[in-house]
Amino acid sequence: FRVTGKIPELWNAQTGKTEKVSYQVKDGHTIVPLKFESWDAYFVVFREKTTSTSLTLPKKAETTLAQISTSWKVKFGAKDTMFEKLSSWSENTDSDVKYFSGTAIYENVLSLTRPASGEVWLDLGDVKNMAEVFVNGQNMGTVWKKPFKVDITKALKDGKNDIKIEVTNTWVNRLIGDAQPNAVKTTFTTMPFYRSNSPLVPAGLLGDVKIIGVK
């Protein structure tokens, strides 16, 4: 950056958080090392004045605190079902789940001893296509790209924690389901983009779901 004499800050466009970032001033420029995940976007803002020519922050380390391997209660509209193991809706033998498009609600209970320090994140693994996360009734935010992680530090407590994840997919599978013989159509398109033999796409919370400690 063609800036000197000011401290760079990293503004996260997705979470709204701001944080200091490592930097080095060289040849009249401020060099800021950045690592981007897919679809990431940041603002680098220079506000506070400084005479320092460098700052090196310690790297954060991640530790897996727990993995949620218990059964999930999943609600597809008015239909309740249990997932003993996380899998794509499109692999389900129940046509109401297999061709479902919309928002399904996953619920589970996690027992955990809250760490004394550091942050705690919920790592959803893989999601098709987006998810809104609630912990103990508090909205932790929405994730729509990898890595599907949310900071749950402020809502986590010692003992039992209620986890709710609202997962929304695209309507591709519903269009394919409506194209099946004798199907009762629930969608309408002006063009038949998908047919009865079109391949279904992955949908839902695919996991693995983990609790990550960050220091």
N, C-alpha and C. Protein backbone atom coordinates (compact mmCIF):
# COMPACT_ATOMS: atom_id res chain seq x y z
N PHE A 1 0.84 -1.18 0.00
CA PHE A 1 0.00 0.00 0.00
C PHE A 1 0.89 1.25 0.00
N ARG A 2 0.50 2.25 -0.74
CA ARG A 2 1.27 3.49 -0.81
C ARG A 2 0.91 4.40 0.36
N VAL A 3 1.10 3.85 1.56
CA VAL A 3 0.79 4.57 2.80
C VAL A 3 1.91 4.29 3.80
N THR A 4 2.33 5.29 4.54
CA THR A 4 3.27 5.11 5.65
C THR A 4 2.82 5.98 6.81
N GLY A 5 3.30 5.63 8.01
CA GLY A 5 3.00 6.43 9.18
C GLY A 5 1.64 6.16 9.80
N LYS A 6 0.96 5.11 9.34
CA LYS A 6 -0.34 4.76 9.92
C LYS A 6 -0.44 3.25 10.12
N ILE A 7 -1.26 2.84 11.09
CA ILE A 7 -1.44 1.43 11.43
C ILE A 7 -2.54 0.83 10.56
N PRO A 8 -2.26 -0.25 9.84
CA PRO A 8 -3.31 -0.89 9.05
C PRO A 8 -4.26 -1.70 9.93
N GLU A 9 -5.51 -1.68 9.59
CA GLU A 9 -6.53 -2.49 10.25
C GLU A 9 -7.24 -3.34 9.21
N LEU A 10 -7.59 -4.55 9.60
CA LEU A 10 -8.32 -5.44 8.70
C LEU A 10 -9.80 -5.39 9.07
N TRP A 11 -10.62 -4.97 8.14
CA TRP A 11 -12.07 -4.91 8.35
C TRP A 11 -12.70 -6.06 7.58
N ASN A 12 -13.37 -6.95 8.31
CA ASN A 12 -13.99 -8.13 7.71
C ASN A 12 -15.37 -7.77 7.17
N ALA A 13 -15.53 -7.86 5.87
CA ALA A 13 -16.79 -7.46 5.24
C ALA A 13 -17.94 -8.39 5.60
N GLN A 14 -17.64 -9.63 5.96
CA GLN A 14 -18.69 -10.59 6.27
C GLN A 14 -19.16 -10.51 7.71
N THR A 15 -18.21 -10.40 8.66
CA THR A 15 -18.57 -10.41 10.08
C THR A 15 -18.72 -9.02 10.68
N GLY A 16 -18.15 -8.01 10.02
CA GLY A 16 -18.18 -6.66 10.56
C GLY A 16 -17.11 -6.41 11.61
N LYS A 17 -16.25 -7.39 11.87
CA LYS A 17 -15.21 -7.23 12.87
C LYS A 17 -14.00 -6.49 12.30
N THR A 18 -13.31 -5.77 13.17
CA THR A 18 -12.06 -5.11 12.79
C THR A 18 -10.96 -5.63 13.69
N GLU A 19 -9.74 -5.73 13.15
CA GLU A 19 -8.62 -6.22 13.95
C GLU A 19 -7.31 -5.68 13.41
N LYS A 20 -6.32 -5.62 14.30
CA LYS A 20 -4.98 -5.23 13.88
C LYS A 20 -4.39 -6.36 13.04
N VAL A 21 -3.41 -6.02 12.20
CA VAL A 21 -2.81 -7.00 11.32
C VAL A 21 -1.30 -6.74 11.26
N SER A 22 -0.52 -7.80 11.06
CA SER A 22 0.93 -7.64 10.94
C SER A 22 1.26 -6.79 9.71
N TYR A 23 2.35 -6.03 9.81
CA TYR A 23 2.74 -5.21 8.65
C TYR A 23 4.22 -4.87 8.72
N GLN A 24 4.75 -4.39 7.63
CA GLN A 24 6.13 -3.93 7.55
C GLN A 24 6.20 -2.76 6.58
N VAL A 25 6.91 -1.71 6.97
CA VAL A 25 7.10 -0.55 6.09
C VAL A 25 8.43 -0.71 5.36
N LYS A 26 8.36 -0.62 4.03
CA LYS A 26 9.57 -0.79 3.23
C LYS A 26 9.46 0.04 1.95
N ASP A 27 10.51 0.82 1.66
CA ASP A 27 10.59 1.61 0.43
C ASP A 27 9.36 2.49 0.21
N GLY A 28 8.89 3.10 1.30
CA GLY A 28 7.77 4.02 1.18
C GLY A 28 6.41 3.36 1.04
N HIS A 29 6.35 2.05 1.29
CA HIS A 29 5.09 1.32 1.21
C HIS A 29 4.86 0.54 2.51
N THR A 30 3.60 0.28 2.82
CA THR A 30 3.25 -0.60 3.94
C THR A 30 2.84 -1.95 3.37
N ILE A 31 3.59 -2.97 3.74
CA ILE A 31 3.34 -4.33 3.24
C ILE A 31 2.52 -5.09 4.27
N VAL A 32 1.37 -5.59 3.86
CA VAL A 32 0.46 -6.32 4.75
C VAL A 32 0.25 -7.73 4.18
N PRO A 33 0.72 -8.77 4.86
CA PRO A 33 0.47 -10.14 4.38
C PRO A 33 -0.97 -10.55 4.66
N LEU A 34 -1.66 -11.01 3.64
CA LEU A 34 -3.07 -11.40 3.79
C LEU A 34 -3.28 -12.79 3.21
N LYS A 35 -4.11 -13.58 3.89
CA LYS A 35 -4.49 -14.90 3.39
C LYS A 35 -5.99 -14.89 3.11
N PHE A 36 -6.35 -15.18 1.88
CA PHE A 36 -7.75 -15.16 1.48
C PHE A 36 -8.26 -16.59 1.28
N GLU A 37 -9.39 -16.89 1.92
CA GLU A 37 -10.12 -18.11 1.59
C GLU A 37 -11.00 -17.78 0.38
N SER A 38 -11.64 -18.81 -0.18
CA SER A 38 -12.49 -18.58 -1.34
C SER A 38 -13.61 -17.59 -1.01
N TRP A 39 -13.83 -16.64 -1.90
CA TRP A 39 -14.87 -15.62 -1.79
C TRP A 39 -14.66 -14.64 -0.65
N ASP A 40 -13.48 -14.60 -0.06
CA ASP A 40 -13.21 -13.64 1.01
C ASP A 40 -13.10 -12.21 0.45
N ALA A 41 -13.42 -11.25 1.30
CA ALA A 41 -13.26 -9.84 0.95
C ALA A 41 -12.92 -9.07 2.22
N TYR A 42 -11.92 -8.21 2.12
CA TYR A 42 -11.51 -7.39 3.26
C TYR A 42 -11.33 -5.94 2.84
N PHE A 43 -11.50 -5.05 3.80
CA PHE A 43 -11.06 -3.68 3.65
C PHE A 43 -9.82 -3.52 4.52
N VAL A 44 -8.77 -2.92 3.99
CA VAL A 44 -7.60 -2.57 4.78
C VAL A 44 -7.64 -1.06 4.99
N VAL A 45 -7.82 -0.67 6.25
CA VAL A 45 -8.05 0.74 6.58
C VAL A 45 -6.88 1.27 7.40
N PHE A 46 -6.39 2.45 7.03
CA PHE A 46 -5.31 3.11 7.76
C PHE A 46 -5.89 4.32 8.49
N ARG A 47 -5.92 4.25 9.83
CA ARG A 47 -6.53 5.34 10.60
C ARG A 47 -5.55 5.97 11.60
N GLU A 48 -5.05 5.16 12.53
CA GLU A 48 -4.22 5.68 13.61
C GLU A 48 -2.79 5.96 13.14
N LYS A 49 -2.25 7.07 13.57
CA LYS A 49 -0.87 7.42 13.22
C LYS A 49 0.11 6.61 14.08
N THR A 50 1.29 6.34 13.52
CA THR A 50 2.32 5.60 14.24
C THR A 50 3.69 5.95 13.69
N THR A 51 4.72 5.79 14.55
CA THR A 51 6.10 5.94 14.09
C THR A 51 6.77 4.58 13.91
N SER A 52 6.06 3.53 14.28
CA SER A 52 6.60 2.18 14.15
C SER A 52 6.63 1.76 12.68
N THR A 53 7.66 1.00 12.32
CA THR A 53 7.79 0.56 10.93
C THR A 53 7.43 -0.91 10.74
N SER A 54 7.01 -1.57 11.81
CA SER A 54 6.60 -2.98 11.66
C SER A 54 5.80 -3.44 12.87
N LEU A 55 5.04 -4.47 12.66
CA LEU A 55 4.29 -5.13 13.73
C LEU A 55 4.11 -6.58 13.33
N THR A 56 4.50 -7.48 14.22
CA THR A 56 4.32 -8.91 13.96
C THR A 56 3.45 -9.50 15.06
N LEU A 57 2.27 -9.90 14.71
CA LEU A 57 1.34 -10.49 15.67
C LEU A 57 1.56 -11.99 15.74
N PRO A 58 1.37 -12.60 16.92
CA PRO A 58 1.52 -14.05 17.03
C PRO A 58 0.45 -14.77 16.21
N LYS A 59 0.83 -15.88 15.61
CA LYS A 59 -0.13 -16.66 14.83
C LYS A 59 -1.08 -17.41 15.76
N LYS A 60 -2.35 -17.40 15.40
CA LYS A 60 -3.34 -18.12 16.20
C LYS A 60 -3.29 -19.61 15.89
N ALA A 61 -3.43 -20.41 16.94
CA ALA A 61 -3.42 -21.87 16.78
C ALA A 61 -4.80 -22.43 17.05
N GLU A 62 -5.21 -23.40 16.24
CA GLU A 62 -6.52 -24.03 16.40
C GLU A 62 -6.38 -25.43 17.00
N THR A 63 -7.30 -25.75 17.92
CA THR A 63 -7.33 -27.07 18.54
C THR A 63 -8.76 -27.59 18.50
N THR A 64 -8.93 -28.84 18.11
CA THR A 64 -10.27 -29.45 18.11
C THR A 64 -10.65 -29.82 19.54
N LEU A 65 -11.70 -29.19 20.05
CA LEU A 65 -12.17 -29.44 21.41
C LEU A 65 -13.18 -30.58 21.46
N ALA A 66 -13.97 -30.72 20.42
CA ALA A 66 -15.00 -31.77 20.39
C ALA A 66 -15.50 -31.95 18.97
N GLN A 67 -16.04 -33.11 18.70
CA GLN A 67 -16.71 -33.37 17.43
C GLN A 67 -18.12 -33.85 17.73
N ILE A 68 -19.09 -33.24 17.08
CA ILE A 68 -20.48 -33.62 17.32
C ILE A 68 -20.81 -34.83 16.44
N SER A 69 -20.88 -35.99 17.07
CA SER A 69 -21.14 -37.23 16.33
C SER A 69 -22.47 -37.86 16.71
N THR A 70 -23.24 -37.18 17.58
CA THR A 70 -24.55 -37.70 17.97
C THR A 70 -25.59 -37.41 16.89
N SER A 71 -26.75 -38.04 17.03
CA SER A 71 -27.81 -37.90 16.03
C SER A 71 -28.36 -36.47 16.03
N TRP A 72 -28.77 -36.04 14.84
CA TRP A 72 -29.37 -34.72 14.66
C TRP A 72 -30.87 -34.85 14.41
N LYS A 73 -31.66 -34.03 15.09
CA LYS A 73 -33.08 -33.90 14.76
C LYS A 73 -33.18 -32.86 13.65
N VAL A 74 -33.84 -33.22 12.56
CA VAL A 74 -33.92 -32.32 11.41
C VAL A 74 -35.38 -32.12 11.03
N LYS A 75 -35.77 -30.87 10.86
CA LYS A 75 -37.14 -30.53 10.51
C LYS A 75 -37.19 -29.99 9.08
N PHE A 76 -37.89 -30.71 8.21
CA PHE A 76 -38.11 -30.28 6.83
C PHE A 76 -39.55 -29.78 6.71
N GLY A 77 -39.76 -28.50 6.92
CA GLY A 77 -41.13 -27.99 6.93
C GLY A 77 -41.90 -28.63 8.07
N ALA A 78 -42.99 -29.33 7.75
CA ALA A 78 -43.80 -29.99 8.77
C ALA A 78 -43.30 -31.39 9.09
N LYS A 79 -42.26 -31.84 8.42
CA LYS A 79 -41.78 -33.21 8.58
C LYS A 79 -40.55 -33.25 9.48
N ASP A 80 -40.61 -34.05 10.54
CA ASP A 80 -39.46 -34.24 11.43
C ASP A 80 -38.81 -35.58 11.15
N THR A 81 -37.48 -35.60 11.19
CA THR A 81 -36.76 -36.85 10.98
C THR A 81 -35.48 -36.81 11.79
N MET A 82 -34.80 -37.95 11.88
CA MET A 82 -33.53 -38.04 12.58
C MET A 82 -32.43 -38.45 11.61
N PHE A 83 -31.30 -37.79 11.72
CA PHE A 83 -30.12 -38.16 10.95
C PHE A 83 -29.11 -38.76 11.93
N GLU A 84 -28.94 -40.09 11.87
CA GLU A 84 -27.94 -40.73 12.72
C GLU A 84 -26.54 -40.28 12.33
N LYS A 85 -26.37 -40.03 11.04
CA LYS A 85 -25.11 -39.55 10.50
C LYS A 85 -25.41 -38.50 9.45
N LEU A 86 -24.64 -37.43 9.44
CA LEU A 86 -24.87 -36.36 8.47
C LEU A 86 -24.63 -36.86 7.05
N SER A 87 -25.55 -36.51 6.16
CA SER A 87 -25.44 -36.90 4.76
C SER A 87 -26.26 -35.94 3.91
N SER A 88 -26.05 -36.00 2.61
CA SER A 88 -26.79 -35.12 1.70
C SER A 88 -28.26 -35.53 1.65
N TRP A 89 -29.14 -34.53 1.62
CA TRP A 89 -30.57 -34.83 1.49
C TRP A 89 -30.84 -35.63 0.22
N SER A 90 -30.07 -35.36 -0.81
CA SER A 90 -30.30 -36.01 -2.11
C SER A 90 -30.03 -37.51 -2.07
N GLU A 91 -29.37 -38.00 -1.00
CA GLU A 91 -29.10 -39.43 -0.86
C GLU A 91 -30.16 -40.14 -0.04
N ASN A 92 -31.12 -39.39 0.48
CA ASN A 92 -32.15 -39.96 1.35
C ASN A 92 -33.15 -40.77 0.55
N THR A 93 -33.67 -41.83 1.17
CA THR A 93 -34.66 -42.68 0.49
C THR A 93 -36.06 -42.09 0.56
N ASP A 94 -36.29 -41.15 1.46
CA ASP A 94 -37.58 -40.48 1.58
C ASP A 94 -37.64 -39.36 0.54
N SER A 95 -38.59 -39.45 -0.37
CA SER A 95 -38.67 -38.46 -1.45
C SER A 95 -38.93 -37.05 -0.93
N ASP A 96 -39.60 -36.92 0.24
CA ASP A 96 -39.85 -35.60 0.81
C ASP A 96 -38.54 -34.92 1.22
N VAL A 97 -37.56 -35.73 1.57
CA VAL A 97 -36.23 -35.21 1.94
C VAL A 97 -35.33 -35.14 0.72
N LYS A 98 -35.39 -36.17 -0.09
CA LYS A 98 -34.52 -36.29 -1.28
C LYS A 98 -34.66 -35.09 -2.21
N TYR A 99 -35.90 -34.66 -2.44
CA TYR A 99 -36.15 -33.57 -3.38
C TYR A 99 -36.42 -32.24 -2.69
N PHE A 100 -36.16 -32.18 -1.38
CA PHE A 100 -36.49 -30.97 -0.63
C PHE A 100 -35.63 -29.79 -1.06
N SER A 101 -36.27 -28.65 -1.22
CA SER A 101 -35.56 -27.39 -1.43
C SER A 101 -36.17 -26.34 -0.52
N GLY A 102 -35.30 -25.65 0.19
CA GLY A 102 -35.77 -24.67 1.16
C GLY A 102 -34.86 -24.66 2.36
N THR A 103 -35.43 -24.40 3.54
CA THR A 103 -34.65 -24.33 4.77
C THR A 103 -35.04 -25.46 5.72
N ALA A 104 -34.08 -26.28 6.10
CA ALA A 104 -34.29 -27.33 7.09
C ALA A 104 -33.58 -26.94 8.38
N ILE A 105 -34.14 -27.35 9.51
CA ILE A 105 -33.61 -26.96 10.81
C ILE A 105 -32.98 -28.17 11.50
N TYR A 106 -31.69 -28.08 11.77
CA TYR A 106 -30.96 -29.13 12.50
C TYR A 106 -30.86 -28.73 13.97
N GLU A 107 -31.08 -29.70 14.86
CA GLU A 107 -30.98 -29.43 16.29
C GLU A 107 -30.18 -30.52 16.98
N ASN A 108 -29.35 -30.11 17.94
CA ASN A 108 -28.55 -31.05 18.71
C ASN A 108 -28.19 -30.40 20.04
N VAL A 109 -27.67 -31.21 20.96
CA VAL A 109 -27.23 -30.71 22.26
C VAL A 109 -25.77 -31.10 22.44
N LEU A 110 -24.95 -30.12 22.79
CA LEU A 110 -23.53 -30.36 22.98
C LEU A 110 -23.15 -30.11 24.43
N SER A 111 -22.50 -31.10 25.04
CA SER A 111 -21.98 -30.94 26.40
C SER A 111 -20.49 -30.63 26.32
N LEU A 112 -20.10 -29.51 26.93
CA LEU A 112 -18.72 -29.06 26.77
C LEU A 112 -18.29 -28.22 27.98
N THR A 113 -17.03 -28.38 28.36
CA THR A 113 -16.44 -27.50 29.37
C THR A 113 -15.84 -26.31 28.65
N ARG A 114 -16.34 -25.14 28.95
CA ARG A 114 -15.88 -23.94 28.23
C ARG A 114 -14.45 -23.62 28.59
N PRO A 115 -13.59 -23.38 27.59
CA PRO A 115 -12.19 -23.03 27.86
C PRO A 115 -12.10 -21.72 28.66
N ALA A 116 -11.05 -21.62 29.48
CA ALA A 116 -10.89 -20.43 30.32
C ALA A 116 -10.47 -19.21 29.51
N SER A 117 -9.85 -19.43 28.36
CA SER A 117 -9.39 -18.31 27.55
C SER A 117 -9.47 -18.66 26.07
N GLY A 118 -9.33 -17.64 25.24
CA GLY A 118 -9.36 -17.85 23.80
C GLY A 118 -10.77 -17.85 23.24
N GLU A 119 -10.86 -18.04 21.95
CA GLU A 119 -12.14 -18.07 21.25
C GLU A 119 -12.58 -19.51 21.00
N VAL A 120 -13.88 -19.69 20.83
CA VAL A 120 -14.42 -21.00 20.48
C VAL A 120 -15.26 -20.83 19.22
N TRP A 121 -14.96 -21.65 18.22
CA TRP A 121 -15.66 -21.59 16.94
C TRP A 121 -16.38 -22.89 16.65
N LEU A 122 -17.50 -22.78 15.96
CA LEU A 122 -18.23 -23.95 15.47
C LEU A 122 -17.88 -24.12 14.00
N ASP A 123 -17.26 -25.26 13.69
CA ASP A 123 -16.87 -25.58 12.32
C ASP A 123 -17.88 -26.57 11.76
N LEU A 124 -18.63 -26.15 10.74
CA LEU A 124 -19.69 -26.98 10.18
C LEU A 124 -19.18 -27.97 9.14
N GLY A 125 -17.91 -27.90 8.81
CA GLY A 125 -17.39 -28.79 7.76
C GLY A 125 -17.85 -28.29 6.40
N ASP A 126 -18.67 -29.08 5.73
CA ASP A 126 -19.20 -28.67 4.43
C ASP A 126 -20.70 -28.43 4.52
N VAL A 127 -21.17 -27.41 3.83
CA VAL A 127 -22.58 -27.04 3.83
C VAL A 127 -23.03 -26.78 2.40
N LYS A 128 -24.20 -27.28 2.05
CA LYS A 128 -24.80 -26.99 0.76
C LYS A 128 -26.20 -26.45 0.99
N ASN A 129 -26.45 -25.12 0.98
CA ASN A 129 -25.51 -24.17 0.45
C ASN A 129 -25.15 -23.06 1.44
N MET A 130 -26.03 -22.80 2.40
CA MET A 130 -25.74 -21.76 3.39
C MET A 130 -26.41 -22.14 4.70
N ALA A 131 -25.91 -21.56 5.81
CA ALA A 131 -26.44 -21.93 7.12
C ALA A 131 -26.45 -20.73 8.06
N GLU A 132 -27.49 -20.68 8.88
CA GLU A 132 -27.59 -19.69 9.96
C GLU A 132 -27.50 -20.45 11.28
N VAL A 133 -26.62 -20.00 12.17
CA VAL A 133 -26.29 -20.76 13.37
C VAL A 133 -26.82 -20.07 14.62
N PHE A 134 -27.43 -20.87 15.50
CA PHE A 134 -27.92 -20.38 16.80
C PHE A 134 -27.34 -21.27 17.89
N VAL A 135 -26.83 -20.65 18.95
CA VAL A 135 -26.32 -21.38 20.11
C VAL A 135 -27.01 -20.83 21.35
N ASN A 136 -27.72 -21.71 22.06
CA ASN A 136 -28.47 -21.31 23.25
C ASN A 136 -29.40 -20.14 22.95
N GLY A 137 -30.01 -20.18 21.78
CA GLY A 137 -30.99 -19.17 21.38
C GLY A 137 -30.41 -17.90 20.81
N GLN A 138 -29.09 -17.77 20.81
CA GLN A 138 -28.46 -16.56 20.28
C GLN A 138 -28.01 -16.77 18.83
N ASN A 139 -28.30 -15.79 18.01
CA ASN A 139 -27.92 -15.87 16.60
C ASN A 139 -26.42 -15.58 16.46
N MET A 140 -25.70 -16.56 15.94
CA MET A 140 -24.24 -16.45 15.80
C MET A 140 -23.82 -15.99 14.41
N GLY A 141 -24.78 -15.88 13.50
CA GLY A 141 -24.44 -15.41 12.17
C GLY A 141 -24.74 -16.42 11.08
N THR A 142 -24.53 -15.98 9.85
CA THR A 142 -24.81 -16.79 8.66
C THR A 142 -23.51 -17.04 7.90
N VAL A 143 -23.35 -18.28 7.43
CA VAL A 143 -22.18 -18.63 6.62
C VAL A 143 -22.66 -19.14 5.27
N TRP A 144 -21.96 -18.72 4.21
CA TRP A 144 -22.39 -19.08 2.86
C TRP A 144 -21.23 -19.50 1.97
N LYS A 145 -20.04 -19.61 2.57
CA LYS A 145 -18.85 -20.00 1.81
C LYS A 145 -17.87 -20.69 2.75
N LYS A 146 -16.90 -21.40 2.16
CA LYS A 146 -15.86 -22.02 2.97
C LYS A 146 -14.90 -20.96 3.49
N PRO A 147 -14.33 -21.15 4.68
CA PRO A 147 -14.65 -22.21 5.64
C PRO A 147 -15.95 -21.88 6.38
N PHE A 148 -16.81 -22.87 6.57
CA PHE A 148 -18.11 -22.66 7.21
C PHE A 148 -17.91 -22.66 8.73
N LYS A 149 -17.40 -21.56 9.26
CA LYS A 149 -17.09 -21.44 10.68
C LYS A 149 -17.74 -20.19 11.26
N VAL A 150 -18.20 -20.29 12.51
CA VAL A 150 -18.75 -19.13 13.21
C VAL A 150 -18.19 -19.07 14.63
N ASP A 151 -17.96 -17.87 15.10
CA ASP A 151 -17.47 -17.64 16.46
C ASP A 151 -18.65 -17.76 17.42
N ILE A 152 -18.59 -18.74 18.33
CA ILE A 152 -19.70 -18.97 19.27
C ILE A 152 -19.29 -18.67 20.71
N THR A 153 -18.17 -17.97 20.88
CA THR A 153 -17.60 -17.74 22.20
C THR A 153 -18.61 -17.10 23.16
N LYS A 154 -19.29 -16.06 22.70
CA LYS A 154 -20.15 -15.28 23.60
C LYS A 154 -21.39 -16.04 24.05
N ALA A 155 -21.79 -17.08 23.31
CA ALA A 155 -23.01 -17.81 23.66
C ALA A 155 -22.74 -19.12 24.38
N LEU A 156 -21.51 -19.62 24.29
CA LEU A 156 -21.18 -20.93 24.85
C LEU A 156 -21.15 -20.88 26.37
N LYS A 157 -21.58 -21.96 27.00
CA LYS A 157 -21.55 -22.05 28.46
C LYS A 157 -21.08 -23.44 28.87
N ASP A 158 -20.67 -23.57 30.13
CA ASP A 158 -20.29 -24.88 30.65
C ASP A 158 -21.50 -25.79 30.69
N GLY A 159 -21.29 -27.06 30.35
CA GLY A 159 -22.39 -28.02 30.38
C GLY A 159 -23.09 -28.13 29.05
N LYS A 160 -24.41 -28.24 29.09
CA LYS A 160 -25.19 -28.48 27.87
C LYS A 160 -25.43 -27.19 27.09
N ASN A 161 -25.26 -27.28 25.79
CA ASN A 161 -25.50 -26.15 24.89
C ASN A 161 -26.42 -26.59 23.76
N ASP A 162 -27.47 -25.81 23.53
CA ASP A 162 -28.41 -26.11 22.45
C ASP A 162 -27.88 -25.54 21.14
N ILE A 163 -27.74 -26.41 20.16
CA ILE A 163 -27.24 -26.02 18.85
C ILE A 163 -28.37 -26.12 17.83
N LYS A 164 -28.62 -25.03 17.11
CA LYS A 164 -29.61 -25.04 16.03
C LYS A 164 -28.96 -24.46 14.78
N ILE A 165 -29.09 -25.19 13.68
CA ILE A 165 -28.50 -24.75 12.42
C ILE A 165 -29.57 -24.80 11.34
N GLU A 166 -29.87 -23.65 10.76
CA GLU A 166 -30.86 -23.58 9.69
C GLU A 166 -30.13 -23.58 8.35
N VAL A 167 -30.31 -24.66 7.60
CA VAL A 167 -29.57 -24.86 6.35
C VAL A 167 -30.51 -24.68 5.16
N THR A 168 -30.07 -23.89 4.20
CA THR A 168 -30.86 -23.61 3.00
C THR A 168 -30.08 -24.04 1.77
N ASN A 169 -30.76 -24.77 0.88
CA ASN A 169 -30.12 -25.19 -0.37
C ASN A 169 -30.74 -24.44 -1.54
N THR A 170 -30.34 -24.81 -2.76
CA THR A 170 -30.96 -24.23 -3.95
C THR A 170 -32.23 -25.02 -4.28
N TRP A 171 -32.94 -24.61 -5.32
CA TRP A 171 -34.19 -25.33 -5.63
C TRP A 171 -34.01 -26.35 -6.76
N VAL A 172 -32.76 -26.67 -7.10
CA VAL A 172 -32.49 -27.62 -8.18
C VAL A 172 -33.16 -28.97 -7.92
N ASN A 173 -32.97 -29.52 -6.73
CA ASN A 173 -33.52 -30.85 -6.45
C ASN A 173 -35.04 -30.86 -6.46
N ARG A 174 -35.64 -29.75 -6.05
CA ARG A 174 -37.11 -29.67 -6.08
C ARG A 174 -37.61 -29.67 -7.52
N LEU A 175 -36.91 -28.98 -8.40
CA LEU A 175 -37.30 -28.97 -9.81
C LEU A 175 -37.18 -30.36 -10.42
N ILE A 176 -36.13 -31.09 -10.04
CA ILE A 176 -35.97 -32.46 -10.54
C ILE A 176 -37.06 -33.36 -9.96
N GLY A 177 -37.39 -33.16 -8.69
CA GLY A 177 -38.46 -33.93 -8.07
C GLY A 177 -39.80 -33.68 -8.73
N ASP A 178 -40.05 -32.43 -9.07
CA ASP A 178 -41.31 -32.09 -9.74
C ASP A 178 -41.39 -32.67 -11.14
N ALA A 179 -40.24 -33.02 -11.71
CA ALA A 179 -40.22 -33.59 -13.06
C ALA A 179 -40.40 -35.10 -13.06
N GLN A 180 -40.49 -35.71 -11.87
CA GLN A 180 -40.66 -37.16 -11.79
C GLN A 180 -42.07 -37.55 -12.24
N PRO A 181 -42.24 -38.77 -12.77
CA PRO A 181 -43.57 -39.22 -13.20
C PRO A 181 -44.58 -39.16 -12.05
N ASN A 182 -45.75 -38.63 -12.34
CA ASN A 182 -46.87 -38.55 -11.39
C ASN A 182 -46.58 -37.63 -10.19
N ALA A 183 -45.57 -36.79 -10.29
CA ALA A 183 -45.26 -35.87 -9.19
C ALA A 183 -46.28 -34.75 -9.12
N VAL A 184 -46.61 -34.33 -7.89
CA VAL A 184 -47.46 -33.18 -7.68
C VAL A 184 -46.55 -31.95 -7.65
N LYS A 185 -46.64 -31.12 -8.67
CA LYS A 185 -45.70 -30.01 -8.81
C LYS A 185 -45.93 -28.94 -7.75
N THR A 186 -44.83 -28.44 -7.22
CA THR A 186 -44.89 -27.33 -6.26
C THR A 186 -44.09 -26.13 -6.76
N THR A 187 -43.50 -26.25 -7.95
CA THR A 187 -42.71 -25.15 -8.51
C THR A 187 -43.19 -24.83 -9.92
N PHE A 188 -42.73 -23.67 -10.41
CA PHE A 188 -43.05 -23.29 -11.79
C PHE A 188 -41.85 -22.57 -12.39
N THR A 189 -41.47 -22.97 -13.59
CA THR A 189 -40.44 -22.26 -14.35
C THR A 189 -40.92 -22.11 -15.79
N THR A 190 -40.42 -21.10 -16.45
CA THR A 190 -40.82 -20.88 -17.85
C THR A 190 -40.05 -21.78 -18.81
N MET A 191 -38.98 -22.39 -18.32
CA MET A 191 -38.19 -23.32 -19.12
C MET A 191 -37.89 -24.57 -18.30
N PRO A 192 -37.92 -25.75 -18.91
CA PRO A 192 -37.59 -26.98 -18.18
C PRO A 192 -36.08 -27.17 -18.08
N PHE A 193 -35.45 -26.43 -17.17
CA PHE A 193 -34.00 -26.50 -17.05
C PHE A 193 -33.52 -27.85 -16.55
N TYR A 194 -34.35 -28.53 -15.77
CA TYR A 194 -33.99 -29.84 -15.22
C TYR A 194 -35.08 -30.85 -15.57
N ARG A 195 -34.64 -32.08 -15.81
CA ARG A 195 -35.56 -33.15 -16.18
C ARG A 195 -35.53 -34.25 -15.13
N SER A 196 -36.37 -35.24 -15.30
CA SER A 196 -36.49 -36.30 -14.30
C SER A 196 -35.20 -37.07 -14.11
N ASN A 197 -34.38 -37.15 -15.15
CA ASN A 197 -33.12 -37.90 -15.06
C ASN A 197 -31.90 -37.00 -14.82
N SER A 198 -32.13 -35.73 -14.54
CA SER A 198 -31.02 -34.84 -14.22
C SER A 198 -30.40 -35.25 -12.88
N PRO A 199 -29.08 -35.16 -12.75
CA PRO A 199 -28.44 -35.57 -11.49
C PRO A 199 -28.78 -34.61 -10.35
N LEU A 200 -29.12 -35.17 -9.19
CA LEU A 200 -29.38 -34.35 -8.02
C LEU A 200 -28.07 -33.74 -7.52
N VAL A 201 -28.17 -32.60 -6.85
CA VAL A 201 -26.98 -31.94 -6.32
C VAL A 201 -26.94 -32.13 -4.81
N PRO A 202 -25.75 -32.13 -4.20
CA PRO A 202 -25.65 -32.26 -2.74
C PRO A 202 -26.41 -31.15 -2.04
N ALA A 203 -26.99 -31.48 -0.89
CA ALA A 203 -27.78 -30.50 -0.14
C ALA A 203 -27.70 -30.80 1.34
N GLY A 204 -27.72 -29.74 2.15
CA GLY A 204 -27.79 -29.91 3.59
C GLY A 204 -26.47 -29.72 4.32
N LEU A 205 -26.50 -30.08 5.60
CA LEU A 205 -25.32 -30.04 6.45
C LEU A 205 -24.57 -31.35 6.28
N LEU A 206 -23.38 -31.28 5.72
CA LEU A 206 -22.63 -32.49 5.38
C LEU A 206 -21.55 -32.82 6.41
N GLY A 207 -21.10 -31.82 7.18
CA GLY A 207 -20.13 -32.08 8.24
C GLY A 207 -18.71 -32.25 7.74
N ASP A 208 -17.83 -32.71 8.61
CA ASP A 208 -18.02 -33.03 10.01
C ASP A 208 -18.16 -31.74 10.82
N VAL A 209 -18.98 -31.81 11.90
CA VAL A 209 -19.20 -30.64 12.74
C VAL A 209 -18.29 -30.73 13.96
N LYS A 210 -17.47 -29.69 14.15
CA LYS A 210 -16.49 -29.70 15.23
C LYS A 210 -16.53 -28.40 16.03
N ILE A 211 -16.06 -28.49 17.26
CA ILE A 211 -15.86 -27.32 18.09
C ILE A 211 -14.37 -27.04 18.12
N ILE A 212 -13.99 -25.83 17.72
CA ILE A 212 -12.59 -25.47 17.58
C ILE A 212 -12.21 -24.39 18.60
N GLY A 213 -11.12 -24.62 19.32
CA GLY A 213 -10.57 -23.60 20.20
C GLY A 213 -9.49 -22.83 19.47
N VAL A 214 -9.51 -21.50 19.60
CA VAL A 214 -8.54 -20.65 18.90
C VAL A 214 -7.85 -19.74 19.92
N LYS A 215 -6.52 -19.79 19.93
CA LYS A 215 -5.73 -18.93 20.82
C LYS A 215 -4.62 -18.27 20.03
